[in-house]
Amino acid sequence: MTIIGVITRGKYGHRLIETIKEHSDFSVVTADLPEFVPAFIEEPDEFLENLNFDRNVFSAEIVISYSLHPDLTQAIAKLAAEAGVRSLIVPGGPSRASVPELKKISEISGMDIEVDEICCTLEPNLYNKPFAEIFGSPVLEVRTENGKIAEVKVLKGAPCGSTWHMAKEIVGVPVKDAPPKAGLLIQHYPCRAARGDLGGIHESGELHKQALIKALENEK
């Protein structure tokens, strides 16, 4: 059985755990970080030690870390590499992770490290399979009837669960209105992606809009 490690912090990461359990047969191991931590942590290794951070999370071959802190993420990457983790996925984007330092850790250890602004851009590679074959950039199958969406099957969906939410809510919508409606449903879903004019939530909405357009074009 594939084991996925999830490192949560405050409210971040829990929806991923729920989505994994609901939409896959993967087993999940977790470790928790406190919601509030100092902006700068001089000794992150010692900081984690004092937290009694559960290193059993690194028994997984694929780990998703919602540490959302450059110092903590770097320390977690080192621990993951030492434990033999194959793939470390870091949501939150470069502002929450020191990409040059993570790149060094990856090059030395051979562990794949991917830093994503939003997790629904995740594509499978040799390291993050089979997780990224089910969770990541959305892939859909659609069936229409009488000019309306009759069914949407999620072949791959966003780790936050938004794709499955959209697939359920879009049923009954006229085909011509469905793609923009899909994007809107994603933006209204309680995703943790950044909001605002340039927020990742808009990219996520567009990804799902395009995924539905492609599914409609490929309808059997």
N, C-alpha and C. Protein backbone atom coordinates (compact mmCIF):
# COMPACT_ATOMS: atom_id res chain seq x y z
N MET A 1 0.84 -1.21 0.00
CA MET A 1 0.00 0.00 0.00
C MET A 1 0.87 1.25 0.00
N THR A 2 0.49 2.22 -0.80
CA THR A 2 1.22 3.48 -0.85
C THR A 2 0.92 4.31 0.40
N ILE A 3 1.98 4.82 1.01
CA ILE A 3 1.83 5.65 2.21
C ILE A 3 2.20 7.09 1.85
N ILE A 4 1.31 8.01 2.18
CA ILE A 4 1.53 9.43 1.94
C ILE A 4 1.70 10.13 3.28
N GLY A 5 2.75 10.91 3.41
CA GLY A 5 2.97 11.69 4.62
C GLY A 5 2.45 13.11 4.43
N VAL A 6 1.75 13.61 5.42
CA VAL A 6 1.24 14.98 5.35
C VAL A 6 1.64 15.72 6.63
N ILE A 7 2.35 16.83 6.45
CA ILE A 7 2.73 17.68 7.58
C ILE A 7 1.79 18.86 7.59
N THR A 8 0.99 18.96 8.64
CA THR A 8 0.00 20.02 8.74
C THR A 8 0.53 21.16 9.61
N ARG A 9 -0.07 22.33 9.40
CA ARG A 9 0.24 23.48 10.26
C ARG A 9 -1.02 24.30 10.42
N GLY A 10 -1.52 24.35 11.64
CA GLY A 10 -2.78 25.07 11.86
C GLY A 10 -3.88 24.45 11.02
N LYS A 11 -4.55 25.29 10.23
CA LYS A 11 -5.66 24.82 9.39
C LYS A 11 -5.20 24.20 8.08
N TYR A 12 -3.93 24.31 7.78
CA TYR A 12 -3.43 23.87 6.47
C TYR A 12 -3.05 22.39 6.46
N GLY A 13 -3.54 21.68 5.47
CA GLY A 13 -3.19 20.28 5.28
C GLY A 13 -4.29 19.30 5.63
N HIS A 14 -5.25 19.72 6.44
CA HIS A 14 -6.28 18.79 6.89
C HIS A 14 -7.25 18.41 5.77
N ARG A 15 -7.55 19.36 4.90
CA ARG A 15 -8.45 19.04 3.79
C ARG A 15 -7.78 18.04 2.83
N LEU A 16 -6.47 18.15 2.67
CA LEU A 16 -5.75 17.18 1.85
C LEU A 16 -5.89 15.78 2.42
N ILE A 17 -5.75 15.65 3.73
CA ILE A 17 -5.87 14.35 4.38
C ILE A 17 -7.26 13.76 4.10
N GLU A 18 -8.29 14.58 4.24
CA GLU A 18 -9.66 14.13 3.99
C GLU A 18 -9.83 13.69 2.53
N THR A 19 -9.25 14.46 1.61
CA THR A 19 -9.38 14.14 0.18
C THR A 19 -8.67 12.84 -0.16
N ILE A 20 -7.48 12.64 0.38
CA ILE A 20 -6.74 11.40 0.14
C ILE A 20 -7.55 10.20 0.62
N LYS A 21 -8.10 10.31 1.81
CA LYS A 21 -8.85 9.19 2.39
C LYS A 21 -10.13 8.91 1.61
N GLU A 22 -10.75 9.96 1.08
CA GLU A 22 -12.03 9.79 0.38
C GLU A 22 -11.87 9.31 -1.05
N HIS A 23 -10.77 9.72 -1.71
CA HIS A 23 -10.66 9.48 -3.15
C HIS A 23 -9.48 8.59 -3.55
N SER A 24 -8.89 7.90 -2.60
CA SER A 24 -7.82 6.96 -2.93
C SER A 24 -7.76 5.87 -1.87
N ASP A 25 -6.94 4.86 -2.14
CA ASP A 25 -6.73 3.82 -1.14
C ASP A 25 -5.37 3.98 -0.46
N PHE A 26 -4.79 5.17 -0.57
CA PHE A 26 -3.51 5.44 0.08
C PHE A 26 -3.68 5.48 1.60
N SER A 27 -2.64 5.08 2.28
CA SER A 27 -2.59 5.23 3.73
C SER A 27 -1.91 6.57 4.04
N VAL A 28 -2.31 7.21 5.14
CA VAL A 28 -1.78 8.54 5.47
C VAL A 28 -1.14 8.52 6.86
N VAL A 29 0.08 9.08 6.93
CA VAL A 29 0.72 9.34 8.23
C VAL A 29 0.90 10.85 8.34
N THR A 30 0.76 11.38 9.54
CA THR A 30 0.79 12.83 9.68
C THR A 30 1.73 13.28 10.79
N ALA A 31 2.11 14.53 10.70
CA ALA A 31 2.84 15.22 11.76
C ALA A 31 2.31 16.64 11.79
N ASP A 32 2.23 17.21 12.97
CA ASP A 32 1.63 18.54 13.12
C ASP A 32 2.66 19.58 13.52
N LEU A 33 2.50 20.77 12.96
CA LEU A 33 3.28 21.94 13.37
C LEU A 33 2.31 22.97 13.95
N PRO A 34 2.77 23.78 14.89
CA PRO A 34 1.87 24.80 15.45
C PRO A 34 1.54 25.88 14.43
N GLU A 35 0.38 26.45 14.57
CA GLU A 35 -0.05 27.50 13.64
C GLU A 35 0.85 28.73 13.73
N PHE A 36 1.21 29.10 14.95
CA PHE A 36 1.99 30.32 15.15
C PHE A 36 3.44 29.97 15.51
N VAL A 37 4.35 30.42 14.66
CA VAL A 37 5.79 30.20 14.89
C VAL A 37 6.51 31.52 14.61
N PRO A 38 7.73 31.69 15.13
CA PRO A 38 8.47 32.93 14.86
C PRO A 38 8.72 33.13 13.37
N ALA A 39 8.78 34.38 12.94
CA ALA A 39 9.03 34.68 11.53
C ALA A 39 10.40 34.20 11.09
N PHE A 40 11.36 34.25 12.01
CA PHE A 40 12.72 33.76 11.72
C PHE A 40 13.10 32.75 12.79
N ILE A 41 13.53 31.58 12.37
CA ILE A 41 13.93 30.52 13.30
C ILE A 41 15.40 30.21 13.05
N GLU A 42 16.23 30.61 13.98
CA GLU A 42 17.68 30.50 13.78
C GLU A 42 18.15 29.05 13.76
N GLU A 43 17.55 28.23 14.63
CA GLU A 43 17.93 26.81 14.70
C GLU A 43 16.69 25.95 14.46
N PRO A 44 16.27 25.80 13.22
CA PRO A 44 15.03 25.07 12.94
C PRO A 44 15.08 23.60 13.35
N ASP A 45 16.27 22.97 13.27
CA ASP A 45 16.39 21.57 13.68
C ASP A 45 16.07 21.43 15.16
N GLU A 46 16.64 22.32 15.94
CA GLU A 46 16.40 22.31 17.39
C GLU A 46 14.94 22.66 17.69
N PHE A 47 14.41 23.59 16.92
CA PHE A 47 13.02 24.00 17.10
C PHE A 47 12.08 22.81 16.91
N LEU A 48 12.32 22.03 15.85
CA LEU A 48 11.49 20.85 15.60
C LEU A 48 11.66 19.81 16.71
N GLU A 49 12.88 19.67 17.18
CA GLU A 49 13.16 18.71 18.26
C GLU A 49 12.37 19.08 19.51
N ASN A 50 12.33 20.35 19.82
CA ASN A 50 11.62 20.81 21.02
C ASN A 50 10.10 20.68 20.89
N LEU A 51 9.63 20.60 19.65
CA LEU A 51 8.20 20.43 19.41
C LEU A 51 7.76 18.97 19.53
N ASN A 52 8.74 18.08 19.69
CA ASN A 52 8.45 16.64 19.63
C ASN A 52 7.79 16.29 18.29
N PHE A 53 8.33 16.87 17.24
CA PHE A 53 7.84 16.64 15.89
C PHE A 53 7.92 15.15 15.56
N ASP A 54 6.82 14.59 15.09
CA ASP A 54 6.73 13.15 14.84
C ASP A 54 7.42 12.79 13.52
N ARG A 55 8.62 12.26 13.64
CA ARG A 55 9.40 11.93 12.43
C ARG A 55 8.90 10.67 11.73
N ASN A 56 7.93 10.01 12.29
CA ASN A 56 7.36 8.84 11.62
C ASN A 56 6.71 9.22 10.30
N VAL A 57 6.42 10.52 10.13
CA VAL A 57 5.83 10.98 8.87
C VAL A 57 6.77 10.69 7.70
N PHE A 58 8.07 10.57 8.00
CA PHE A 58 9.05 10.31 6.94
C PHE A 58 9.17 8.83 6.61
N SER A 59 8.30 8.02 7.18
CA SER A 59 8.24 6.61 6.77
C SER A 59 7.55 6.51 5.40
N ALA A 60 6.89 7.58 5.00
CA ALA A 60 6.23 7.63 3.69
C ALA A 60 7.27 7.90 2.60
N GLU A 61 6.99 7.42 1.41
CA GLU A 61 7.88 7.71 0.28
C GLU A 61 7.59 9.07 -0.33
N ILE A 62 6.36 9.53 -0.16
CA ILE A 62 5.94 10.83 -0.69
C ILE A 62 5.39 11.65 0.48
N VAL A 63 5.93 12.86 0.66
CA VAL A 63 5.51 13.71 1.78
C VAL A 63 5.09 15.07 1.24
N ILE A 64 3.94 15.55 1.72
CA ILE A 64 3.48 16.90 1.40
C ILE A 64 3.59 17.72 2.67
N SER A 65 4.35 18.81 2.61
CA SER A 65 4.60 19.61 3.80
C SER A 65 3.95 20.98 3.72
N TYR A 66 3.01 21.21 4.63
CA TYR A 66 2.38 22.53 4.75
C TYR A 66 3.07 23.33 5.86
N SER A 67 4.38 23.24 5.91
CA SER A 67 5.15 23.98 6.92
C SER A 67 5.03 25.49 6.67
N LEU A 68 4.98 25.90 5.40
CA LEU A 68 4.73 27.30 5.02
C LEU A 68 5.68 28.27 5.72
N HIS A 69 6.93 27.85 5.84
CA HIS A 69 7.94 28.67 6.52
C HIS A 69 9.31 28.28 5.97
N PRO A 70 10.08 29.22 5.42
CA PRO A 70 11.35 28.88 4.78
C PRO A 70 12.31 28.09 5.67
N ASP A 71 12.44 28.50 6.93
CA ASP A 71 13.38 27.82 7.83
C ASP A 71 12.91 26.41 8.16
N LEU A 72 11.63 26.27 8.48
CA LEU A 72 11.10 24.96 8.83
C LEU A 72 11.09 24.02 7.63
N THR A 73 10.75 24.55 6.47
CA THR A 73 10.70 23.72 5.27
C THR A 73 12.07 23.16 4.93
N GLN A 74 13.09 23.99 5.07
CA GLN A 74 14.45 23.52 4.80
C GLN A 74 14.86 22.41 5.77
N ALA A 75 14.53 22.59 7.05
CA ALA A 75 14.86 21.56 8.05
C ALA A 75 14.09 20.27 7.78
N ILE A 76 12.83 20.41 7.40
CA ILE A 76 12.01 19.24 7.08
C ILE A 76 12.55 18.51 5.86
N ALA A 77 13.00 19.27 4.87
CA ALA A 77 13.57 18.66 3.66
C ALA A 77 14.81 17.84 4.00
N LYS A 78 15.64 18.36 4.88
CA LYS A 78 16.85 17.62 5.29
C LYS A 78 16.47 16.31 5.98
N LEU A 79 15.51 16.38 6.89
CA LEU A 79 15.07 15.19 7.60
C LEU A 79 14.45 14.17 6.63
N ALA A 80 13.67 14.68 5.69
CA ALA A 80 13.03 13.80 4.71
C ALA A 80 14.08 13.09 3.86
N ALA A 81 15.08 13.84 3.43
CA ALA A 81 16.14 13.26 2.60
C ALA A 81 16.92 12.20 3.38
N GLU A 82 17.22 12.49 4.64
CA GLU A 82 17.95 11.53 5.48
C GLU A 82 17.15 10.25 5.68
N ALA A 83 15.83 10.38 5.71
CA ALA A 83 14.97 9.22 5.95
C ALA A 83 14.69 8.42 4.68
N GLY A 84 15.11 8.95 3.53
CA GLY A 84 14.91 8.23 2.28
C GLY A 84 13.60 8.52 1.59
N VAL A 85 12.97 9.64 1.93
CA VAL A 85 11.74 10.05 1.23
C VAL A 85 12.06 10.27 -0.25
N ARG A 86 11.18 9.80 -1.12
CA ARG A 86 11.42 9.88 -2.56
C ARG A 86 11.01 11.22 -3.14
N SER A 87 9.89 11.77 -2.63
CA SER A 87 9.35 13.01 -3.18
C SER A 87 8.82 13.89 -2.06
N LEU A 88 9.23 15.15 -2.06
CA LEU A 88 8.72 16.14 -1.10
C LEU A 88 7.99 17.22 -1.89
N ILE A 89 6.72 17.39 -1.59
CA ILE A 89 5.89 18.38 -2.28
C ILE A 89 5.61 19.51 -1.29
N VAL A 90 5.90 20.74 -1.71
CA VAL A 90 5.82 21.89 -0.81
C VAL A 90 4.83 22.91 -1.37
N PRO A 91 3.59 22.92 -0.88
CA PRO A 91 2.63 23.94 -1.32
C PRO A 91 2.98 25.30 -0.72
N GLY A 92 2.45 26.34 -1.34
CA GLY A 92 2.63 27.69 -0.80
C GLY A 92 3.52 28.58 -1.63
N GLY A 93 4.30 27.98 -2.53
CA GLY A 93 5.12 28.77 -3.43
C GLY A 93 6.45 29.21 -2.85
N PRO A 94 7.28 29.84 -3.67
CA PRO A 94 8.63 30.24 -3.27
C PRO A 94 8.68 31.20 -2.09
N SER A 95 7.62 31.96 -1.85
CA SER A 95 7.63 32.89 -0.73
C SER A 95 7.61 32.17 0.61
N ARG A 96 7.23 30.90 0.60
CA ARG A 96 7.15 30.11 1.84
C ARG A 96 8.26 29.07 1.92
N ALA A 97 9.20 29.11 0.97
CA ALA A 97 10.26 28.10 0.95
C ALA A 97 11.50 28.69 0.29
N SER A 98 12.66 28.32 0.81
CA SER A 98 13.92 28.78 0.22
C SER A 98 14.29 27.85 -0.92
N VAL A 99 13.88 28.21 -2.13
CA VAL A 99 14.05 27.33 -3.28
C VAL A 99 15.52 26.98 -3.55
N PRO A 100 16.46 27.94 -3.49
CA PRO A 100 17.87 27.58 -3.73
C PRO A 100 18.38 26.53 -2.74
N GLU A 101 18.01 26.67 -1.47
CA GLU A 101 18.46 25.70 -0.47
C GLU A 101 17.81 24.34 -0.70
N LEU A 102 16.55 24.34 -1.06
CA LEU A 102 15.86 23.08 -1.34
C LEU A 102 16.46 22.39 -2.56
N LYS A 103 16.86 23.19 -3.53
CA LYS A 103 17.48 22.63 -4.73
C LYS A 103 18.79 21.93 -4.39
N LYS A 104 19.57 22.53 -3.48
CA LYS A 104 20.82 21.91 -3.05
C LYS A 104 20.56 20.58 -2.36
N ILE A 105 19.56 20.56 -1.49
CA ILE A 105 19.22 19.33 -0.78
C ILE A 105 18.80 18.25 -1.77
N SER A 106 18.02 18.64 -2.76
CA SER A 106 17.56 17.70 -3.78
C SER A 106 18.73 17.14 -4.58
N GLU A 107 19.65 18.00 -4.97
CA GLU A 107 20.80 17.57 -5.79
C GLU A 107 21.71 16.62 -5.01
N ILE A 108 21.90 16.89 -3.74
CA ILE A 108 22.78 16.06 -2.92
C ILE A 108 22.14 14.71 -2.60
N SER A 109 20.86 14.74 -2.29
CA SER A 109 20.18 13.53 -1.81
C SER A 109 19.53 12.69 -2.90
N GLY A 110 19.17 13.34 -4.00
CA GLY A 110 18.42 12.64 -5.04
C GLY A 110 16.92 12.65 -4.80
N MET A 111 16.49 13.28 -3.71
CA MET A 111 15.06 13.39 -3.42
C MET A 111 14.45 14.48 -4.29
N ASP A 112 13.34 14.18 -4.93
CA ASP A 112 12.65 15.17 -5.75
C ASP A 112 11.90 16.15 -4.84
N ILE A 113 12.10 17.44 -5.06
CA ILE A 113 11.40 18.47 -4.29
C ILE A 113 10.68 19.38 -5.26
N GLU A 114 9.38 19.51 -5.06
CA GLU A 114 8.58 20.38 -5.91
C GLU A 114 7.89 21.43 -5.06
N VAL A 115 8.12 22.69 -5.41
CA VAL A 115 7.49 23.81 -4.71
C VAL A 115 6.41 24.38 -5.61
N ASP A 116 5.16 24.31 -5.14
CA ASP A 116 4.02 24.74 -5.96
C ASP A 116 3.25 25.86 -5.27
N GLU A 117 2.89 26.87 -6.04
CA GLU A 117 2.03 27.92 -5.52
C GLU A 117 0.66 27.34 -5.19
N ILE A 118 0.15 26.54 -6.11
CA ILE A 118 -1.11 25.82 -5.90
C ILE A 118 -0.91 24.36 -6.29
N CYS A 119 -1.52 23.46 -5.56
CA CYS A 119 -1.28 22.03 -5.78
C CYS A 119 -2.03 21.47 -6.98
N CYS A 120 -2.97 22.24 -7.55
CA CYS A 120 -3.68 21.71 -8.71
C CYS A 120 -2.91 21.95 -10.00
N THR A 121 -1.63 22.31 -9.89
CA THR A 121 -0.76 22.33 -11.07
C THR A 121 0.18 21.12 -11.07
N LEU A 122 0.08 20.28 -10.05
CA LEU A 122 1.00 19.15 -9.89
C LEU A 122 0.83 18.13 -11.01
N GLU A 123 1.95 17.78 -11.64
CA GLU A 123 1.96 16.77 -12.69
C GLU A 123 2.80 15.58 -12.23
N PRO A 124 2.44 14.37 -12.65
CA PRO A 124 3.19 13.19 -12.21
C PRO A 124 4.59 13.12 -12.80
N ASN A 125 5.53 12.63 -11.99
CA ASN A 125 6.86 12.31 -12.48
C ASN A 125 7.29 10.98 -11.86
N LEU A 126 8.51 10.59 -12.09
CA LEU A 126 8.98 9.28 -11.61
C LEU A 126 8.96 9.18 -10.09
N TYR A 127 9.00 10.33 -9.42
CA TYR A 127 9.14 10.34 -7.96
C TYR A 127 7.81 10.47 -7.23
N ASN A 128 6.91 11.29 -7.77
CA ASN A 128 5.67 11.56 -7.03
C ASN A 128 4.50 10.65 -7.41
N LYS A 129 4.75 9.70 -8.33
CA LYS A 129 3.73 8.68 -8.59
C LYS A 129 3.66 7.75 -7.40
N PRO A 130 2.49 7.19 -7.08
CA PRO A 130 1.21 7.33 -7.77
C PRO A 130 0.35 8.50 -7.27
N PHE A 131 0.86 9.25 -6.27
CA PHE A 131 0.06 10.35 -5.71
C PHE A 131 -0.40 11.32 -6.79
N ALA A 132 0.55 11.80 -7.61
CA ALA A 132 0.23 12.83 -8.60
C ALA A 132 -0.51 12.29 -9.81
N GLU A 133 -0.75 10.99 -9.85
CA GLU A 133 -1.60 10.44 -10.90
C GLU A 133 -3.08 10.56 -10.53
N ILE A 134 -3.35 10.79 -9.25
CA ILE A 134 -4.73 10.94 -8.78
C ILE A 134 -5.01 12.37 -8.33
N PHE A 135 -3.98 13.02 -7.77
CA PHE A 135 -4.15 14.37 -7.22
C PHE A 135 -3.20 15.35 -7.91
N GLY A 136 -3.77 16.43 -8.42
CA GLY A 136 -2.95 17.44 -9.10
C GLY A 136 -3.76 18.14 -10.17
N SER A 137 -3.13 18.41 -11.30
CA SER A 137 -3.79 19.11 -12.40
C SER A 137 -5.02 18.33 -12.86
N PRO A 138 -6.20 18.96 -12.88
CA PRO A 138 -7.45 18.21 -13.09
C PRO A 138 -7.58 17.57 -14.47
N VAL A 139 -8.10 16.34 -14.46
CA VAL A 139 -8.42 15.61 -15.69
C VAL A 139 -9.83 15.05 -15.50
N LEU A 140 -10.69 15.32 -16.47
CA LEU A 140 -12.11 14.99 -16.33
C LEU A 140 -12.62 14.18 -17.51
N GLU A 141 -13.69 13.43 -17.25
CA GLU A 141 -14.51 12.83 -18.31
C GLU A 141 -15.92 13.36 -18.11
N VAL A 142 -16.60 13.68 -19.20
CA VAL A 142 -17.92 14.28 -19.07
C VAL A 142 -18.92 13.57 -19.99
N ARG A 143 -20.15 13.53 -19.52
CA ARG A 143 -21.26 13.02 -20.34
C ARG A 143 -22.36 14.07 -20.36
N THR A 144 -22.82 14.39 -21.57
CA THR A 144 -23.88 15.38 -21.70
C THR A 144 -25.17 14.72 -22.18
N GLU A 145 -26.26 15.39 -21.89
CA GLU A 145 -27.57 14.87 -22.29
C GLU A 145 -28.52 16.05 -22.47
N ASN A 146 -29.12 16.13 -23.64
CA ASN A 146 -30.07 17.22 -23.94
C ASN A 146 -29.46 18.60 -23.72
N GLY A 147 -28.18 18.73 -24.11
CA GLY A 147 -27.53 20.03 -24.05
C GLY A 147 -27.08 20.45 -22.66
N LYS A 148 -27.12 19.51 -21.71
CA LYS A 148 -26.71 19.83 -20.35
C LYS A 148 -25.67 18.81 -19.85
N ILE A 149 -24.95 19.20 -18.82
CA ILE A 149 -23.99 18.29 -18.21
C ILE A 149 -24.76 17.24 -17.42
N ALA A 150 -24.57 15.98 -17.78
CA ALA A 150 -25.27 14.89 -17.10
C ALA A 150 -24.40 14.21 -16.05
N GLU A 151 -23.09 14.18 -16.31
CA GLU A 151 -22.18 13.51 -15.36
C GLU A 151 -20.76 13.99 -15.62
N VAL A 152 -20.02 14.19 -14.55
CA VAL A 152 -18.59 14.49 -14.66
C VAL A 152 -17.83 13.50 -13.79
N LYS A 153 -16.93 12.78 -14.41
CA LYS A 153 -16.09 11.82 -13.68
C LYS A 153 -14.70 12.44 -13.50
N VAL A 154 -14.22 12.47 -12.27
CA VAL A 154 -12.90 13.03 -11.98
C VAL A 154 -11.85 11.93 -12.09
N LEU A 155 -10.99 12.05 -13.09
CA LEU A 155 -9.89 11.10 -13.25
C LEU A 155 -8.69 11.52 -12.41
N LYS A 156 -8.51 12.82 -12.29
CA LYS A 156 -7.49 13.39 -11.40
C LYS A 156 -8.01 14.74 -10.93
N GLY A 157 -7.83 15.02 -9.64
CA GLY A 157 -8.39 16.25 -9.11
C GLY A 157 -7.48 16.95 -8.13
N ALA A 158 -7.83 18.18 -7.82
CA ALA A 158 -7.04 19.00 -6.90
C ALA A 158 -6.97 18.35 -5.52
N PRO A 159 -5.80 18.38 -4.89
CA PRO A 159 -5.64 17.76 -3.57
C PRO A 159 -6.57 18.33 -2.50
N CYS A 160 -7.07 19.54 -2.70
CA CYS A 160 -7.97 20.14 -1.71
C CYS A 160 -9.39 19.60 -1.82
N GLY A 161 -9.68 18.86 -2.90
CA GLY A 161 -11.01 18.30 -3.07
C GLY A 161 -11.95 19.13 -3.92
N SER A 162 -11.48 20.29 -4.39
CA SER A 162 -12.36 21.20 -5.12
C SER A 162 -12.89 20.61 -6.43
N THR A 163 -12.09 19.77 -7.08
CA THR A 163 -12.51 19.20 -8.37
C THR A 163 -13.75 18.33 -8.20
N TRP A 164 -13.77 17.53 -7.16
CA TRP A 164 -14.93 16.65 -6.91
C TRP A 164 -16.16 17.48 -6.55
N HIS A 165 -15.95 18.56 -5.83
CA HIS A 165 -17.04 19.48 -5.51
C HIS A 165 -17.63 20.07 -6.79
N MET A 166 -16.76 20.54 -7.67
CA MET A 166 -17.21 21.12 -8.93
C MET A 166 -17.95 20.09 -9.77
N ALA A 167 -17.42 18.86 -9.83
CA ALA A 167 -18.02 17.81 -10.65
C ALA A 167 -19.45 17.50 -10.22
N LYS A 168 -19.71 17.61 -8.95
CA LYS A 168 -21.05 17.36 -8.42
C LYS A 168 -21.99 18.52 -8.72
N GLU A 169 -21.49 19.74 -8.51
CA GLU A 169 -22.34 20.92 -8.62
C GLU A 169 -22.63 21.34 -10.07
N ILE A 170 -21.79 20.89 -11.01
CA ILE A 170 -21.93 21.33 -12.40
C ILE A 170 -23.02 20.54 -13.14
N VAL A 171 -23.45 19.43 -12.58
CA VAL A 171 -24.48 18.61 -13.23
C VAL A 171 -25.77 19.42 -13.39
N GLY A 172 -26.31 19.37 -14.61
CA GLY A 172 -27.54 20.10 -14.92
C GLY A 172 -27.32 21.45 -15.55
N VAL A 173 -26.07 21.91 -15.58
CA VAL A 173 -25.76 23.21 -16.17
C VAL A 173 -25.69 23.07 -17.69
N PRO A 174 -26.26 24.00 -18.45
CA PRO A 174 -26.15 23.94 -19.92
C PRO A 174 -24.69 23.88 -20.36
N VAL A 175 -24.44 23.09 -21.39
CA VAL A 175 -23.07 22.87 -21.85
C VAL A 175 -22.36 24.18 -22.16
N LYS A 176 -23.05 25.12 -22.80
CA LYS A 176 -22.41 26.38 -23.19
C LYS A 176 -21.98 27.21 -21.98
N ASP A 177 -22.65 27.01 -20.86
CA ASP A 177 -22.33 27.78 -19.64
C ASP A 177 -21.39 27.03 -18.70
N ALA A 178 -21.15 25.76 -18.99
CA ALA A 178 -20.47 24.91 -18.02
C ALA A 178 -19.00 25.28 -17.75
N PRO A 179 -18.17 25.54 -18.77
CA PRO A 179 -16.77 25.83 -18.47
C PRO A 179 -16.56 27.04 -17.54
N PRO A 180 -17.16 28.21 -17.84
CA PRO A 180 -16.97 29.32 -16.90
C PRO A 180 -17.59 29.04 -15.53
N LYS A 181 -18.69 28.29 -15.52
CA LYS A 181 -19.31 27.92 -14.25
C LYS A 181 -18.38 27.03 -13.43
N ALA A 182 -17.66 26.15 -14.11
CA ALA A 182 -16.71 25.27 -13.42
C ALA A 182 -15.63 26.10 -12.72
N GLY A 183 -15.10 27.09 -13.44
CA GLY A 183 -14.08 27.96 -12.85
C GLY A 183 -14.62 28.73 -11.66
N LEU A 184 -15.85 29.19 -11.77
CA LEU A 184 -16.48 29.95 -10.69
C LEU A 184 -16.70 29.08 -9.45
N LEU A 185 -17.13 27.85 -9.67
CA LEU A 185 -17.35 26.93 -8.56
C LEU A 185 -16.05 26.67 -7.79
N ILE A 186 -14.96 26.56 -8.53
CA ILE A 186 -13.65 26.35 -7.89
C ILE A 186 -13.27 27.57 -7.05
N GLN A 187 -13.51 28.75 -7.58
CA GLN A 187 -13.14 29.97 -6.86
C GLN A 187 -14.00 30.17 -5.61
N HIS A 188 -15.20 29.61 -5.61
CA HIS A 188 -16.07 29.73 -4.44
C HIS A 188 -15.82 28.63 -3.41
N TYR A 189 -15.11 27.59 -3.83
CA TYR A 189 -14.79 26.50 -2.92
C TYR A 189 -13.81 27.02 -1.85
N PRO A 190 -13.94 26.55 -0.61
CA PRO A 190 -13.04 27.06 0.45
C PRO A 190 -11.61 26.52 0.34
N CYS A 191 -10.97 26.83 -0.78
CA CYS A 191 -9.59 26.43 -1.02
C CYS A 191 -8.66 27.40 -0.28
N ARG A 192 -7.46 26.94 0.06
CA ARG A 192 -6.51 27.79 0.78
C ARG A 192 -5.65 28.62 -0.17
N ALA A 193 -5.86 28.50 -1.47
CA ALA A 193 -5.06 29.28 -2.43
C ALA A 193 -5.28 30.77 -2.21
N ALA A 194 -4.25 31.54 -2.56
CA ALA A 194 -4.31 32.99 -2.34
C ALA A 194 -5.43 33.61 -3.15
N ARG A 195 -6.11 34.57 -2.53
CA ARG A 195 -7.21 35.29 -3.20
C ARG A 195 -6.66 36.59 -3.79
N GLY A 196 -7.54 37.49 -4.17
CA GLY A 196 -7.10 38.75 -4.75
C GLY A 196 -6.93 38.63 -6.25
N ASP A 197 -6.64 39.76 -6.89
CA ASP A 197 -6.58 39.82 -8.35
C ASP A 197 -5.54 38.88 -8.94
N LEU A 198 -4.43 38.70 -8.23
CA LEU A 198 -3.35 37.87 -8.76
C LEU A 198 -3.22 36.56 -8.00
N GLY A 199 -4.21 36.23 -7.19
CA GLY A 199 -4.14 35.04 -6.35
C GLY A 199 -4.21 33.74 -7.14
N GLY A 200 -3.64 32.69 -6.55
CA GLY A 200 -3.61 31.39 -7.19
C GLY A 200 -4.99 30.79 -7.42
N ILE A 201 -5.98 31.28 -6.68
CA ILE A 201 -7.34 30.75 -6.84
C ILE A 201 -7.86 31.00 -8.26
N HIS A 202 -7.41 32.08 -8.89
CA HIS A 202 -7.84 32.38 -10.26
C HIS A 202 -7.20 31.40 -11.25
N GLU A 203 -5.94 31.07 -11.00
CA GLU A 203 -5.27 30.08 -11.85
C GLU A 203 -5.95 28.72 -11.70
N SER A 204 -6.32 28.39 -10.48
CA SER A 204 -7.01 27.13 -10.24
C SER A 204 -8.35 27.09 -10.98
N GLY A 205 -9.08 28.19 -10.92
CA GLY A 205 -10.35 28.27 -11.63
C GLY A 205 -10.17 28.09 -13.13
N GLU A 206 -9.15 28.72 -13.68
CA GLU A 206 -8.88 28.62 -15.12
C GLU A 206 -8.48 27.19 -15.50
N LEU A 207 -7.69 26.54 -14.66
CA LEU A 207 -7.29 25.15 -14.92
C LEU A 207 -8.51 24.24 -15.02
N HIS A 208 -9.46 24.44 -14.13
CA HIS A 208 -10.66 23.60 -14.15
C HIS A 208 -11.57 23.95 -15.32
N LYS A 209 -11.63 25.20 -15.66
CA LYS A 209 -12.40 25.61 -16.84
C LYS A 209 -11.86 24.92 -18.09
N GLN A 210 -10.53 24.95 -18.24
CA GLN A 210 -9.91 24.34 -19.41
C GLN A 210 -10.03 22.82 -19.39
N ALA A 211 -9.98 22.24 -18.19
CA ALA A 211 -10.13 20.78 -18.07
C ALA A 211 -11.52 20.35 -18.53
N LEU A 212 -12.53 21.15 -18.20
CA LEU A 212 -13.89 20.82 -18.62
C LEU A 212 -14.07 21.02 -20.12
N ILE A 213 -13.47 22.07 -20.65
CA ILE A 213 -13.51 22.28 -22.11
C ILE A 213 -12.91 21.08 -22.84
N LYS A 214 -11.77 20.63 -22.36
CA LYS A 214 -11.10 19.48 -22.98
C LYS A 214 -11.96 18.23 -22.87
N ALA A 215 -12.57 18.04 -21.70
CA ALA A 215 -13.43 16.86 -21.51
C ALA A 215 -14.63 16.90 -22.45
N LEU A 216 -15.20 18.07 -22.65
CA LEU A 216 -16.33 18.21 -23.57
C LEU A 216 -15.91 17.91 -25.01
N GLU A 217 -14.72 18.35 -25.37
CA GLU A 217 -14.21 18.09 -26.72
C GLU A 217 -13.96 16.60 -26.94
N ASN A 218 -13.61 15.90 -25.85
CA ASN A 218 -13.27 14.48 -25.95
C ASN A 218 -14.43 13.56 -25.57
N GLU A 219 -15.61 14.14 -25.39
CA GLU A 219 -16.75 13.32 -24.96
C GLU A 219 -16.99 12.18 -25.94
N LYS A 220 -17.18 11.00 -25.38
CA LYS A 220 -17.37 9.80 -26.22
C LYS A 220 -18.83 9.67 -26.64
